[in-house]
Protein backbone atom coordinates (compact mmCIF):
# COMPACT_ATOMS: atom_id res chain seq x y z
CA MET A 1 70.58 7.72 -16.63
CA LYS A 2 74.33 7.34 -16.71
CA PRO A 3 75.98 4.08 -15.66
CA ALA A 4 77.48 5.78 -12.61
CA ASP A 5 74.01 6.86 -11.46
CA LEU A 6 72.64 3.36 -11.92
CA PHE A 7 75.59 1.92 -10.02
CA GLY A 8 74.87 4.35 -7.18
CA VAL A 9 71.26 3.15 -7.04
CA VAL A 10 72.45 -0.46 -6.91
CA VAL A 11 74.93 0.28 -4.10
CA ARG A 12 72.26 2.12 -2.09
CA THR A 13 69.79 -0.74 -2.63
CA ILE A 14 72.35 -3.28 -1.41
CA GLY A 15 73.04 -1.08 1.62
CA LEU A 16 69.32 -0.83 2.41
CA LEU A 17 68.89 -4.61 2.10
CA ILE A 18 71.84 -5.17 4.45
CA ILE A 19 70.36 -2.74 6.99
CA LEU A 20 66.93 -4.39 6.85
CA GLU A 21 68.37 -7.89 7.19
CA VAL A 22 70.54 -6.93 10.16
CA LEU A 23 67.61 -5.30 11.93
CA TRP A 24 65.46 -8.37 11.29
CA ARG A 25 68.13 -10.74 12.62
CA VAL A 26 68.76 -8.60 15.70
CA LEU A 27 65.04 -8.44 16.49
CA LEU A 28 64.80 -12.22 16.19
CA ASP A 29 67.84 -12.75 18.44
CA LEU A 30 66.93 -10.07 20.97
CA GLU A 31 64.68 -12.49 22.83
CA THR A 32 67.63 -14.76 23.52
CA VAL A 33 69.80 -11.90 24.75
CA LEU A 34 67.18 -10.31 27.01
CA MET A 35 66.07 -13.56 28.64
CA PRO A 36 68.05 -14.43 31.77
CA PRO A 37 70.44 -17.26 30.97
CA PHE A 38 69.59 -20.59 32.53
CA PRO A 39 72.39 -22.94 33.60
CA SER A 40 71.77 -25.20 30.62
CA GLY A 41 71.60 -22.29 28.14
CA ALA A 42 74.46 -20.14 29.38
CA GLY A 43 76.44 -20.84 26.22
CA ASN A 44 73.63 -19.49 24.05
CA PHE A 45 73.77 -16.15 25.84
CA SER A 46 77.48 -15.61 25.14
CA TRP A 47 77.05 -16.58 21.49
CA SER A 48 74.10 -14.22 21.20
CA VAL A 49 76.22 -11.33 22.44
CA VAL A 50 78.92 -12.23 19.90
CA PHE A 51 76.23 -12.41 17.23
CA LEU A 52 74.94 -8.95 18.15
CA VAL A 53 78.43 -7.47 18.01
CA THR A 54 79.09 -8.95 14.57
CA GLN A 55 75.69 -7.77 13.37
CA LEU A 56 76.58 -4.27 14.57
CA LEU A 57 79.67 -4.39 12.36
CA VAL A 58 77.59 -5.60 9.40
CA LEU A 59 75.11 -2.78 10.12
CA LEU A 60 77.96 -0.27 9.89
CA VAL A 61 78.90 -1.70 6.49
CA GLY A 62 75.28 -1.46 5.33
CA CYS A 63 75.01 2.13 6.53
CA GLY A 64 78.27 2.92 4.78
CA CYS A 65 76.92 1.52 1.52
CA PHE A 66 73.63 3.35 1.90
CA PHE A 67 74.80 6.75 3.10
CA ARG A 68 78.21 6.89 1.41
CA ALA A 69 77.37 5.39 -1.98
CA ASN A 70 78.77 8.47 -3.73
CA ILE A 71 82.25 7.58 -2.46
CA VAL A 72 81.92 4.03 -3.81
CA VAL A 73 80.71 5.38 -7.15
CA ARG A 74 83.60 7.83 -7.34
CA LEU A 75 86.07 5.01 -6.67
CA ALA A 76 84.47 2.78 -9.30
CA TYR A 77 84.01 5.48 -11.95
CA ARG A 78 86.99 7.73 -11.44
CA SER A 79 88.08 9.57 -14.55
CA SER A 80 91.42 8.75 -16.05
CA PRO A 81 93.80 11.39 -17.50
CA SER A 82 93.27 9.93 -20.98
CA ASP A 83 89.56 10.82 -20.74
CA GLY A 84 90.42 14.46 -20.38
CA GLY A 85 88.79 14.55 -16.97
CA ALA A 86 85.32 13.76 -18.28
CA GLY A 87 83.20 11.34 -16.37
């Protein structure tokens, strides 16, 4: 296995871990978002929505790492002209 292949596996693994963590956090916080806000807990509802939006952005990063790892590998292991194009 070449180093570029191993790096691709590592990037995909990190992407999968990010996806799983985001899904876990969203499922834990979904109860707070779906419950009707009470007057004393109205602030929690707005922060939960902000949390879900930021987790959506993190999920996009995780999906990018998982599904587009070949682009990351190409950027990290691009061949230089001195290599003769090998790589």
